[in-house]
All heavy atoms as atom14 arrays in JSON, in Angstrom:
{
  "sequence": "WLEAVGLADARYKYPHDLSGGMQQRLAIAQALMMQPRILLLDEPFGAL",
  "atom14_mask": [
    [1, 1, 1, 1, 1, 1, 1, 1, 1, 1, 1, 1, 1, 1],
    [1, 1, 1, 1, 1, 1, 1, 1, 0, 0, 0, 0, 0, 0],
    [1, 1, 1, 1, 1, 1, 1, 1, 1, 0, 0, 0, 0, 0],
    [1, 1, 1, 1, 1, 0, 0, 0, 0, 0, 0, 0, 0, 0],
    [1, 1, 1, 1, 1, 1, 1, 0, 0, 0, 0, 0, 0, 0],
    [1, 1, 1, 1, 0, 0, 0, 0, 0, 0, 0, 0, 0, 0],
    [1, 1, 1, 1, 1, 1, 1, 1, 0, 0, 0, 0, 0, 0],
    [1, 1, 1, 1, 1, 0, 0, 0, 0, 0, 0, 0, 0, 0],
    [1, 1, 1, 1, 1, 1, 1, 1, 0, 0, 0, 0, 0, 0],
    [1, 1, 1, 1, 1, 0, 0, 0, 0, 0, 0, 0, 0, 0],
    [1, 1, 1, 1, 1, 1, 1, 1, 1, 1, 1, 0, 0, 0],
    [1, 1, 1, 1, 1, 1, 1, 1, 1, 1, 1, 1, 0, 0],
    [1, 1, 1, 1, 1, 1, 1, 1, 1, 0, 0, 0, 0, 0],
    [1, 1, 1, 1, 1, 1, 1, 1, 1, 1, 1, 1, 0, 0],
    [1, 1, 1, 1, 1, 1, 1, 0, 0, 0, 0, 0, 0, 0],
    [1, 1, 1, 1, 1, 1, 1, 1, 1, 1, 0, 0, 0, 0],
    [1, 1, 1, 1, 1, 1, 1, 1, 0, 0, 0, 0, 0, 0],
    [1, 1, 1, 1, 1, 1, 1, 1, 0, 0, 0, 0, 0, 0],
    [1, 1, 1, 1, 1, 1, 0, 0, 0, 0, 0, 0, 0, 0],
    [1, 1, 1, 1, 0, 0, 0, 0, 0, 0, 0, 0, 0, 0],
    [1, 1, 1, 1, 0, 0, 0, 0, 0, 0, 0, 0, 0, 0],
    [1, 1, 1, 1, 1, 1, 1, 1, 0, 0, 0, 0, 0, 0],
    [1, 1, 1, 1, 1, 1, 1, 1, 1, 0, 0, 0, 0, 0],
    [1, 1, 1, 1, 1, 1, 1, 1, 1, 0, 0, 0, 0, 0],
    [1, 1, 1, 1, 1, 1, 1, 1, 1, 1, 1, 0, 0, 0],
    [1, 1, 1, 1, 1, 1, 1, 1, 0, 0, 0, 0, 0, 0],
    [1, 1, 1, 1, 1, 0, 0, 0, 0, 0, 0, 0, 0, 0],
    [1, 1, 1, 1, 1, 1, 1, 1, 0, 0, 0, 0, 0, 0],
    [1, 1, 1, 1, 1, 0, 0, 0, 0, 0, 0, 0, 0, 0],
    [1, 1, 1, 1, 1, 1, 1, 1, 1, 0, 0, 0, 0, 0],
    [1, 1, 1, 1, 1, 0, 0, 0, 0, 0, 0, 0, 0, 0],
    [1, 1, 1, 1, 1, 1, 1, 1, 0, 0, 0, 0, 0, 0],
    [1, 1, 1, 1, 1, 1, 1, 1, 0, 0, 0, 0, 0, 0],
    [1, 1, 1, 1, 1, 1, 1, 1, 0, 0, 0, 0, 0, 0],
    [1, 1, 1, 1, 1, 1, 1, 1, 1, 0, 0, 0, 0, 0],
    [1, 1, 1, 1, 1, 1, 1, 0, 0, 0, 0, 0, 0, 0],
    [1, 1, 1, 1, 1, 1, 1, 1, 1, 1, 1, 0, 0, 0],
    [1, 1, 1, 1, 1, 1, 1, 1, 0, 0, 0, 0, 0, 0],
    [1, 1, 1, 1, 1, 1, 1, 1, 0, 0, 0, 0, 0, 0],
    [1, 1, 1, 1, 1, 1, 1, 1, 0, 0, 0, 0, 0, 0],
    [1, 1, 1, 1, 1, 1, 1, 1, 0, 0, 0, 0, 0, 0],
    [1, 1, 1, 1, 1, 1, 1, 1, 0, 0, 0, 0, 0, 0],
    [1, 1, 1, 1, 1, 1, 1, 1, 1, 0, 0, 0, 0, 0],
    [1, 1, 1, 1, 1, 1, 1, 0, 0, 0, 0, 0, 0, 0],
    [1, 1, 1, 1, 1, 1, 1, 1, 1, 1, 1, 0, 0, 0],
    [1, 1, 1, 1, 0, 0, 0, 0, 0, 0, 0, 0, 0, 0],
    [1, 1, 1, 1, 1, 0, 0, 0, 0, 0, 0, 0, 0, 0],
    [1, 1, 1, 1, 1, 1, 1, 1, 0, 0, 0, 0, 0, 0]
  ],
  "atom14_positions": [
    [[-216.07, -78.63, 70.04], [-214.66, -78.28, 69.82], [-213.88, -78.29, 71.13], [-212.71, -78.67, 71.16], [-214.55, -76.93, 69.12], [-214.83, -77.02, 67.65], [-215.89, -76.5, 66.97], [-214.03, -77.72, 66.7], [-215.8, -76.84, 65.64], [-214.67, -77.58, 65.45], [-212.85, -78.45, 66.76], [-214.17, -78.14, 64.28], [-212.34, -79.01, 65.6], [-213.0, -78.85, 64.38]],
    [[-214.52, -77.87, 72.21], [-213.85, -77.93, 73.5], [-213.56, -79.38, 73.89], [-212.5, -79.68, 74.46], [-214.72, -77.26, 74.57], [-214.79, -75.73, 74.49], [-215.8, -75.2, 75.49], [-213.43, -75.1, 74.72], [0.0, 0.0, 0.0], [0.0, 0.0, 0.0], [0.0, 0.0, 0.0], [0.0, 0.0, 0.0], [0.0, 0.0, 0.0], [0.0, 0.0, 0.0]],
    [[-214.47, -80.27, 73.57], [-214.22, -81.69, 73.82], [-213.06, -82.2, 72.97], [-212.22, -82.97, 73.43], [-215.49, -82.5, 73.53], [-215.37, -83.96, 73.9], [-216.69, -84.71, 73.79], [-217.74, -84.04, 73.58], [-216.67, -85.94, 73.92], [0.0, 0.0, 0.0], [0.0, 0.0, 0.0], [0.0, 0.0, 0.0], [0.0, 0.0, 0.0], [0.0, 0.0, 0.0]],
    [[-212.98, -81.71, 71.73], [-211.92, -82.15, 70.82], [-210.53, -81.73, 71.31], [-209.55, -82.44, 71.08], [-212.16, -81.59, 69.41], [0.0, 0.0, 0.0], [0.0, 0.0, 0.0], [0.0, 0.0, 0.0], [0.0, 0.0, 0.0], [0.0, 0.0, 0.0], [0.0, 0.0, 0.0], [0.0, 0.0, 0.0], [0.0, 0.0, 0.0], [0.0, 0.0, 0.0]],
    [[-210.46, -80.58, 71.99], [-209.15, -80.11, 72.47], [-208.94, -80.42, 73.96], [-207.96, -79.97, 74.55], [-208.97, -78.59, 72.22], [-209.07, -78.27, 70.75], [-209.97, -77.76, 73.03], [0.0, 0.0, 0.0], [0.0, 0.0, 0.0], [0.0, 0.0, 0.0], [0.0, 0.0, 0.0], [0.0, 0.0, 0.0], [0.0, 0.0, 0.0], [0.0, 0.0, 0.0]],
    [[-209.85, -81.18, 74.56], [-209.67, -81.6, 75.94], [-210.05, -80.58, 76.99], [-209.51, -80.6, 78.1], [0.0, 0.0, 0.0], [0.0, 0.0, 0.0], [0.0, 0.0, 0.0], [0.0, 0.0, 0.0], [0.0, 0.0, 0.0], [0.0, 0.0, 0.0], [0.0, 0.0, 0.0], [0.0, 0.0, 0.0], [0.0, 0.0, 0.0], [0.0, 0.0, 0.0]],
    [[-210.99, -79.69, 76.66], [-211.41, -78.66, 77.62], [-212.89, -78.75, 77.97], [-213.47, -77.76, 78.45], [-211.11, -77.26, 77.06], [-209.64, -76.81, 77.01], [-209.55, -75.4, 76.43], [-209.01, -76.86, 78.4], [0.0, 0.0, 0.0], [0.0, 0.0, 0.0], [0.0, 0.0, 0.0], [0.0, 0.0, 0.0], [0.0, 0.0, 0.0], [0.0, 0.0, 0.0]],
    [[-213.5, -79.87, 77.75], [-214.93, -80.0, 78.01], [-215.29, -79.67, 79.46], [-216.31, -79.03, 79.73], [-215.41, -81.4, 77.64], [0.0, 0.0, 0.0], [0.0, 0.0, 0.0], [0.0, 0.0, 0.0], [0.0, 0.0, 0.0], [0.0, 0.0, 0.0], [0.0, 0.0, 0.0], [0.0, 0.0, 0.0], [0.0, 0.0, 0.0], [0.0, 0.0, 0.0]],
    [[-214.45, -80.07, 80.39], [-214.75, -79.85, 81.81], [-214.51, -78.4, 82.25], [-214.9, -78.03, 83.36], [-213.9, -80.78, 82.68], [-214.27, -82.24, 82.5], [-215.41, -82.51, 82.04], [-213.43, -83.11, 82.78], [0.0, 0.0, 0.0], [0.0, 0.0, 0.0], [0.0, 0.0, 0.0], [0.0, 0.0, 0.0], [0.0, 0.0, 0.0], [0.0, 0.0, 0.0]],
    [[-213.88, -77.6, 81.38], [-213.56, -76.21, 81.74], [-214.45, -75.22, 81.0], [-214.18, -74.02, 81.02], [-212.1, -75.92, 81.44], [0.0, 0.0, 0.0], [0.0, 0.0, 0.0], [0.0, 0.0, 0.0], [0.0, 0.0, 0.0], [0.0, 0.0, 0.0], [0.0, 0.0, 0.0], [0.0, 0.0, 0.0], [0.0, 0.0, 0.0], [0.0, 0.0, 0.0]],
    [[-215.53, -75.67, 80.39], [-216.31, -74.83, 79.5], [-216.91, -73.6, 80.19], [-217.12, -72.58, 79.54], [-217.41, -75.64, 78.82], [-218.49, -76.16, 79.75], [-219.5, -76.99, 78.96], [-218.88, -78.18, 78.39], [-219.39, -78.85, 77.37], [-220.52, -78.46, 76.8], [-218.78, -79.93, 76.91], [0.0, 0.0, 0.0], [0.0, 0.0, 0.0], [0.0, 0.0, 0.0]],
    [[-217.18, -73.68, 81.47], [-217.81, -72.55, 82.16], [-216.82, -71.74, 82.99], [-217.22, -70.85, 83.74], [-218.96, -73.04, 83.03], [-220.06, -73.7, 82.21], [-220.41, -75.03, 82.43], [-220.71, -73.0, 81.19], [-221.39, -75.64, 81.66], [-221.69, -73.61, 80.42], [-222.03, -74.93, 80.66], [-222.99, -75.53, 79.89], [0.0, 0.0, 0.0], [0.0, 0.0, 0.0]],
    [[-215.55, -72.01, 82.85], [-214.53, -71.23, 83.54], [-214.16, -69.99, 82.71], [-214.5, -69.88, 81.53], [-213.28, -72.07, 83.78], [-213.49, -73.22, 84.77], [-212.19, -73.97, 85.02], [-212.39, -75.08, 86.04], [-211.12, -75.81, 86.31], [0.0, 0.0, 0.0], [0.0, 0.0, 0.0], [0.0, 0.0, 0.0], [0.0, 0.0, 0.0], [0.0, 0.0, 0.0]],
    [[-213.44, -69.08, 83.34], [-212.91, -67.91, 82.65], [-211.44, -68.16, 82.31], [-210.77, -68.98, 82.97], [-213.06, -66.65, 83.51], [-214.48, -66.15, 83.58], [-215.34, -66.59, 84.58], [-214.96, -65.25, 82.64], [-216.65, -66.14, 84.64], [-216.28, -64.79, 82.69], [-217.12, -65.24, 83.7], [-218.41, -64.79, 83.75], [0.0, 0.0, 0.0], [0.0, 0.0, 0.0]],
    [[-210.92, -67.49, 81.26], [-209.53, -67.75, 80.86], [-208.51, -67.63, 81.98], [-207.53, -68.38, 82.0], [-209.3, -66.7, 79.76], [-210.65, -66.5, 79.15], [-211.61, -66.59, 80.32], [0.0, 0.0, 0.0], [0.0, 0.0, 0.0], [0.0, 0.0, 0.0], [0.0, 0.0, 0.0], [0.0, 0.0, 0.0], [0.0, 0.0, 0.0], [0.0, 0.0, 0.0]],
    [[-208.71, -66.71, 82.93], [-207.71, -66.55, 84.0], [-207.68, -67.76, 84.94], [-206.74, -67.9, 85.73], [-207.98, -65.26, 84.8], [-209.25, -65.26, 85.58], [-210.41, -64.68, 85.1], [-209.57, -65.79, 86.79], [-211.37, -64.83, 85.99], [-210.89, -65.51, 87.02], [0.0, 0.0, 0.0], [0.0, 0.0, 0.0], [0.0, 0.0, 0.0], [0.0, 0.0, 0.0]],
    [[-208.69, -68.62, 84.85], [-208.7, -69.85, 85.66], [-207.92, -70.98, 85.0], [-207.76, -72.05, 85.61], [-210.14, -70.31, 85.89], [-210.96, -69.31, 86.71], [-210.39, -68.72, 87.64], [-212.15, -69.12, 86.37], [0.0, 0.0, 0.0], [0.0, 0.0, 0.0], [0.0, 0.0, 0.0], [0.0, 0.0, 0.0], [0.0, 0.0, 0.0], [0.0, 0.0, 0.0]],
    [[-207.44, -70.77, 83.78], [-206.79, -71.83, 83.01], [-205.27, -71.68, 83.06], [-204.74, -70.56, 83.15], [-207.25, -71.79, 81.55], [-208.76, -71.83, 81.28], [-209.0, -71.82, 79.78], [-209.39, -73.06, 81.92], [0.0, 0.0, 0.0], [0.0, 0.0, 0.0], [0.0, 0.0, 0.0], [0.0, 0.0, 0.0], [0.0, 0.0, 0.0], [0.0, 0.0, 0.0]],
    [[-204.57, -72.79, 82.95], [-203.11, -72.76, 82.81], [-202.75, -72.28, 81.4], [-203.62, -72.16, 80.52], [-202.55, -74.16, 83.04], [-202.97, -75.04, 81.99], [0.0, 0.0, 0.0], [0.0, 0.0, 0.0], [0.0, 0.0, 0.0], [0.0, 0.0, 0.0], [0.0, 0.0, 0.0], [0.0, 0.0, 0.0], [0.0, 0.0, 0.0], [0.0, 0.0, 0.0]],
    [[-201.45, -72.05, 81.18], [-201.01, -71.6, 79.87], [-201.35, -72.59, 78.76], [-201.82, -72.22, 77.69], [0.0, 0.0, 0.0], [0.0, 0.0, 0.0], [0.0, 0.0, 0.0], [0.0, 0.0, 0.0], [0.0, 0.0, 0.0], [0.0, 0.0, 0.0], [0.0, 0.0, 0.0], [0.0, 0.0, 0.0], [0.0, 0.0, 0.0], [0.0, 0.0, 0.0]],
    [[-201.11, -73.88, 79.04], [-201.43, -74.89, 78.03], [-202.92, -74.96, 77.75], [-203.34, -75.15, 76.6], [0.0, 0.0, 0.0], [0.0, 0.0, 0.0], [0.0, 0.0, 0.0], [0.0, 0.0, 0.0], [0.0, 0.0, 0.0], [0.0, 0.0, 0.0], [0.0, 0.0, 0.0], [0.0, 0.0, 0.0], [0.0, 0.0, 0.0], [0.0, 0.0, 0.0]],
    [[-203.74, -74.8, 78.78], [-205.19, -74.85, 78.58], [-205.66, -73.62, 77.8], [-206.56, -73.72, 76.95], [-205.89, -74.92, 79.94], [-205.66, -76.23, 80.68], [-206.32, -76.22, 82.37], [-208.08, -76.37, 82.03], [0.0, 0.0, 0.0], [0.0, 0.0, 0.0], [0.0, 0.0, 0.0], [0.0, 0.0, 0.0], [0.0, 0.0, 0.0], [0.0, 0.0, 0.0]],
    [[-205.06, -72.46, 78.05], [-205.43, -71.27, 77.28], [-205.06, -71.44, 75.81], [-205.79, -70.99, 74.93], [-204.74, -70.04, 77.86], [-205.31, -69.59, 79.19], [-204.9, -68.17, 79.56], [-204.98, -67.27, 78.75], [-204.46, -67.99, 80.79], [0.0, 0.0, 0.0], [0.0, 0.0, 0.0], [0.0, 0.0, 0.0], [0.0, 0.0, 0.0], [0.0, 0.0, 0.0]],
    [[-203.95, -72.12, 75.54], [-203.58, -72.33, 74.14], [-204.5, -73.35, 73.49], [-204.82, -73.24, 72.3], [-202.12, -72.76, 74.05], [-201.46, -72.48, 72.72], [-201.44, -71.02, 72.35], [-202.48, -70.36, 72.26], [-200.26, -70.49, 72.11], [0.0, 0.0, 0.0], [0.0, 0.0, 0.0], [0.0, 0.0, 0.0], [0.0, 0.0, 0.0], [0.0, 0.0, 0.0]],
    [[-204.96, -74.32, 74.23], [-205.98, -75.25, 73.72], [-207.26, -74.48, 73.37], [-207.91, -74.75, 72.36], [-206.29, -76.34, 74.75], [-205.21, -77.39, 74.9], [-205.51, -78.35, 76.04], [-204.46, -79.34, 76.21], [-204.47, -80.55, 75.69], [-205.51, -80.95, 74.98], [-203.47, -81.38, 75.88], [0.0, 0.0, 0.0], [0.0, 0.0, 0.0], [0.0, 0.0, 0.0]],
    [[-207.6, -73.52, 74.23], [-208.78, -72.69, 73.98], [-208.59, -71.88, 72.7], [-209.52, -71.77, 71.89], [-209.02, -71.76, 75.17], [-210.09, -70.69, 75.02], [-211.43, -71.3, 74.62], [-210.23, -69.89, 76.32], [0.0, 0.0, 0.0], [0.0, 0.0, 0.0], [0.0, 0.0, 0.0], [0.0, 0.0, 0.0], [0.0, 0.0, 0.0], [0.0, 0.0, 0.0]],
    [[-207.4, -71.32, 72.5], [-207.13, -70.55, 71.29], [-207.25, -71.42, 70.03], [-207.73, -70.97, 68.99], [-205.75, -69.91, 71.36], [0.0, 0.0, 0.0], [0.0, 0.0, 0.0], [0.0, 0.0, 0.0], [0.0, 0.0, 0.0], [0.0, 0.0, 0.0], [0.0, 0.0, 0.0], [0.0, 0.0, 0.0], [0.0, 0.0, 0.0], [0.0, 0.0, 0.0]],
    [[-206.82, -72.68, 70.13], [-206.94, -73.6, 69.0], [-208.41, -73.9, 68.72], [-208.84, -73.94, 67.55], [-206.14, -74.89, 69.28], [-204.64, -74.59, 69.29], [-206.47, -75.96, 68.24], [-203.78, -75.76, 69.73], [0.0, 0.0, 0.0], [0.0, 0.0, 0.0], [0.0, 0.0, 0.0], [0.0, 0.0, 0.0], [0.0, 0.0, 0.0], [0.0, 0.0, 0.0]],
    [[-209.19, -74.12, 69.77], [-210.63, -74.34, 69.58], [-211.28, -73.13, 68.93], [-212.15, -73.28, 68.05], [-211.29, -74.65, 70.92], [0.0, 0.0, 0.0], [0.0, 0.0, 0.0], [0.0, 0.0, 0.0], [0.0, 0.0, 0.0], [0.0, 0.0, 0.0], [0.0, 0.0, 0.0], [0.0, 0.0, 0.0], [0.0, 0.0, 0.0], [0.0, 0.0, 0.0]],
    [[-210.89, -71.92, 69.34], [-211.39, -70.7, 68.7], [-211.1, -70.71, 67.2], [-211.97, -70.41, 66.38], [-210.72, -69.47, 69.31], [-211.29, -68.97, 70.6], [-210.58, -67.7, 71.05], [-209.36, -67.59, 70.94], [-211.33, -66.75, 71.56], [0.0, 0.0, 0.0], [0.0, 0.0, 0.0], [0.0, 0.0, 0.0], [0.0, 0.0, 0.0], [0.0, 0.0, 0.0]],
    [[-209.87, -71.05, 66.85], [-209.45, -71.02, 65.44], [-210.2, -72.06, 64.62], [-210.47, -71.83, 63.43], [-207.94, -71.24, 65.35], [0.0, 0.0, 0.0], [0.0, 0.0, 0.0], [0.0, 0.0, 0.0], [0.0, 0.0, 0.0], [0.0, 0.0, 0.0], [0.0, 0.0, 0.0], [0.0, 0.0, 0.0], [0.0, 0.0, 0.0], [0.0, 0.0, 0.0]],
    [[-210.53, -73.21, 65.23], [-211.15, -74.3, 64.48], [-212.67, -74.2, 64.45], [-213.32, -74.93, 63.68], [-210.73, -75.65, 65.07], [-209.24, -75.98, 64.96], [-208.96, -77.33, 65.61], [-208.79, -75.99, 63.51], [0.0, 0.0, 0.0], [0.0, 0.0, 0.0], [0.0, 0.0, 0.0], [0.0, 0.0, 0.0], [0.0, 0.0, 0.0], [0.0, 0.0, 0.0]],
    [[-213.24, -73.32, 65.25], [-214.7, -73.2, 65.33], [-215.33, -72.92, 63.97], [-216.41, -73.42, 63.65], [-215.07, -72.09, 66.33], [-216.56, -71.84, 66.45], [-217.44, -73.22, 67.2], [-219.09, -72.55, 67.32], [0.0, 0.0, 0.0], [0.0, 0.0, 0.0], [0.0, 0.0, 0.0], [0.0, 0.0, 0.0], [0.0, 0.0, 0.0], [0.0, 0.0, 0.0]],
    [[-214.65, -72.11, 63.14], [-215.18, -71.77, 61.83], [-214.81, -72.8, 60.77], [-215.01, -72.58, 59.58], [-214.68, -70.38, 61.42], [-215.09, -69.28, 62.4], [-216.86, -69.2, 62.69], [-217.43, -68.66, 61.09], [0.0, 0.0, 0.0], [0.0, 0.0, 0.0], [0.0, 0.0, 0.0], [0.0, 0.0, 0.0], [0.0, 0.0, 0.0], [0.0, 0.0, 0.0]],
    [[-214.24, -73.91, 61.21], [-213.86, -75.02, 60.33], [-213.01, -74.55, 59.15], [-213.37, -74.73, 57.98], [-215.12, -75.75, 59.84], [-215.94, -76.34, 60.97], [-217.17, -77.08, 60.51], [-217.44, -77.19, 59.33], [-217.93, -77.6, 61.45], [0.0, 0.0, 0.0], [0.0, 0.0, 0.0], [0.0, 0.0, 0.0], [0.0, 0.0, 0.0], [0.0, 0.0, 0.0]],
    [[-211.86, -73.94, 59.43], [-211.0, -73.45, 58.35], [-210.33, -74.58, 57.59], [-210.14, -75.68, 58.12], [-209.95, -72.61, 59.1], [-209.84, -73.3, 60.43], [-211.25, -73.74, 60.76], [0.0, 0.0, 0.0], [0.0, 0.0, 0.0], [0.0, 0.0, 0.0], [0.0, 0.0, 0.0], [0.0, 0.0, 0.0], [0.0, 0.0, 0.0], [0.0, 0.0, 0.0]],
    [[-209.99, -74.32, 56.37], [-209.21, -75.27, 55.58], [-207.72, -75.16, 55.93], [-206.98, -76.13, 55.81], [-209.39, -74.99, 54.09], [-210.82, -75.13, 53.6], [-210.95, -74.6, 52.17], [-210.08, -75.31, 51.25], [-209.69, -74.84, 50.07], [-210.07, -73.64, 49.69], [-208.92, -75.55, 49.28], [0.0, 0.0, 0.0], [0.0, 0.0, 0.0], [0.0, 0.0, 0.0]],
    [[-207.31, -73.95, 56.33], [-205.91, -73.67, 56.59], [-205.77, -73.21, 58.02], [-206.47, -72.3, 58.46], [-205.37, -72.59, 55.63], [-205.54, -73.03, 54.17], [-203.91, -72.28, 55.92], [-205.3, -71.91, 53.17], [0.0, 0.0, 0.0], [0.0, 0.0, 0.0], [0.0, 0.0, 0.0], [0.0, 0.0, 0.0], [0.0, 0.0, 0.0], [0.0, 0.0, 0.0]],
    [[-204.85, -73.81, 58.78], [-204.57, -73.41, 60.15], [-203.16, -72.82, 60.19], [-202.19, -73.46, 59.8], [-204.67, -74.6, 61.09], [-204.42, -74.31, 62.57], [-205.45, -73.32, 63.12], [-204.44, -75.61, 63.38], [0.0, 0.0, 0.0], [0.0, 0.0, 0.0], [0.0, 0.0, 0.0], [0.0, 0.0, 0.0], [0.0, 0.0, 0.0], [0.0, 0.0, 0.0]],
    [[-203.06, -71.58, 60.68], [-201.8, -70.87, 60.78], [-201.4, -70.81, 62.26], [-202.18, -70.36, 63.1], [-201.93, -69.45, 60.22], [-202.53, -69.35, 58.81], [-202.75, -67.9, 58.42], [-201.64, -70.05, 57.79], [0.0, 0.0, 0.0], [0.0, 0.0, 0.0], [0.0, 0.0, 0.0], [0.0, 0.0, 0.0], [0.0, 0.0, 0.0], [0.0, 0.0, 0.0]],
    [[-200.18, -71.25, 62.57], [-199.7, -71.3, 63.94], [-198.43, -70.47, 64.05], [-197.42, -70.82, 63.43], [-199.42, -72.75, 64.35], [-200.58, -73.75, 64.2], [-200.1, -75.17, 64.47], [-201.72, -73.39, 65.15], [0.0, 0.0, 0.0], [0.0, 0.0, 0.0], [0.0, 0.0, 0.0], [0.0, 0.0, 0.0], [0.0, 0.0, 0.0], [0.0, 0.0, 0.0]],
    [[-198.48, -69.37, 64.8], [-197.33, -68.47, 64.92], [-196.66, -68.67, 66.27], [-197.02, -68.04, 67.26], [-197.78, -67.01, 64.75], [-196.61, -66.06, 64.51], [-195.45, -66.55, 64.5], [-196.85, -64.86, 64.34], [0.0, 0.0, 0.0], [0.0, 0.0, 0.0], [0.0, 0.0, 0.0], [0.0, 0.0, 0.0], [0.0, 0.0, 0.0], [0.0, 0.0, 0.0]],
    [[-195.69, -69.59, 66.3], [-194.98, -69.95, 67.53], [-195.95, -70.19, 68.69], [-195.82, -69.58, 69.76], [-193.97, -68.86, 67.9], [-192.89, -68.67, 66.86], [-191.79, -67.73, 67.34], [-191.13, -68.08, 68.34], [-191.6, -66.68, 66.73], [0.0, 0.0, 0.0], [0.0, 0.0, 0.0], [0.0, 0.0, 0.0], [0.0, 0.0, 0.0], [0.0, 0.0, 0.0]],
    [[-196.92, -71.06, 68.51], [-197.98, -71.19, 69.51], [-197.53, -71.82, 70.82], [-198.22, -71.69, 71.83], [-198.99, -72.08, 68.81], [-198.17, -72.92, 67.88], [-197.08, -72.01, 67.4], [0.0, 0.0, 0.0], [0.0, 0.0, 0.0], [0.0, 0.0, 0.0], [0.0, 0.0, 0.0], [0.0, 0.0, 0.0], [0.0, 0.0, 0.0], [0.0, 0.0, 0.0]],
    [[-196.37, -72.52, 70.82], [-195.97, -73.24, 72.03], [-194.69, -72.68, 72.64], [-194.11, -73.28, 73.53], [-195.77, -74.73, 71.7], [-196.88, -75.32, 70.89], [-196.62, -76.11, 69.77], [-198.21, -75.07, 71.21], [-197.65, -76.64, 69.01], [-199.24, -75.59, 70.46], [-198.96, -76.38, 69.36], [0.0, 0.0, 0.0], [0.0, 0.0, 0.0], [0.0, 0.0, 0.0]],
    [[-194.25, -71.52, 72.16], [-192.98, -70.96, 72.62], [-192.94, -70.63, 74.1], [-191.87, -70.67, 74.72], [0.0, 0.0, 0.0], [0.0, 0.0, 0.0], [0.0, 0.0, 0.0], [0.0, 0.0, 0.0], [0.0, 0.0, 0.0], [0.0, 0.0, 0.0], [0.0, 0.0, 0.0], [0.0, 0.0, 0.0], [0.0, 0.0, 0.0], [0.0, 0.0, 0.0]],
    [[-194.09, -70.3, 74.69], [-194.13, -69.9, 76.1], [-194.45, -71.07, 77.04], [-194.59, -70.85, 78.24], [-195.15, -68.78, 76.29], [0.0, 0.0, 0.0], [0.0, 0.0, 0.0], [0.0, 0.0, 0.0], [0.0, 0.0, 0.0], [0.0, 0.0, 0.0], [0.0, 0.0, 0.0], [0.0, 0.0, 0.0], [0.0, 0.0, 0.0], [0.0, 0.0, 0.0]],
    [[-194.58, -72.27, 76.49], [-194.98, -73.42, 77.31], [-193.76, -74.24, 77.73], [-192.76, -74.31, 77.02], [-195.95, -74.3, 76.52], [-197.21, -73.61, 75.98], [-198.04, -74.6, 75.19], [-198.02, -73.0, 77.12], [0.0, 0.0, 0.0], [0.0, 0.0, 0.0], [0.0, 0.0, 0.0], [0.0, 0.0, 0.0], [0.0, 0.0, 0.0], [0.0, 0.0, 0.0]]
  ]
}
């Protein structure tokens, strides 16, 4: 999933090492890990 969202090279970093956009990519990977049928996005890009 990290590869799918473009974070494969950051897999061993901590969240504070990531930019805002990278942290949101991480949050999307978290949401998709359980393979949901429905994805809910609550203003996910408002701070970018």
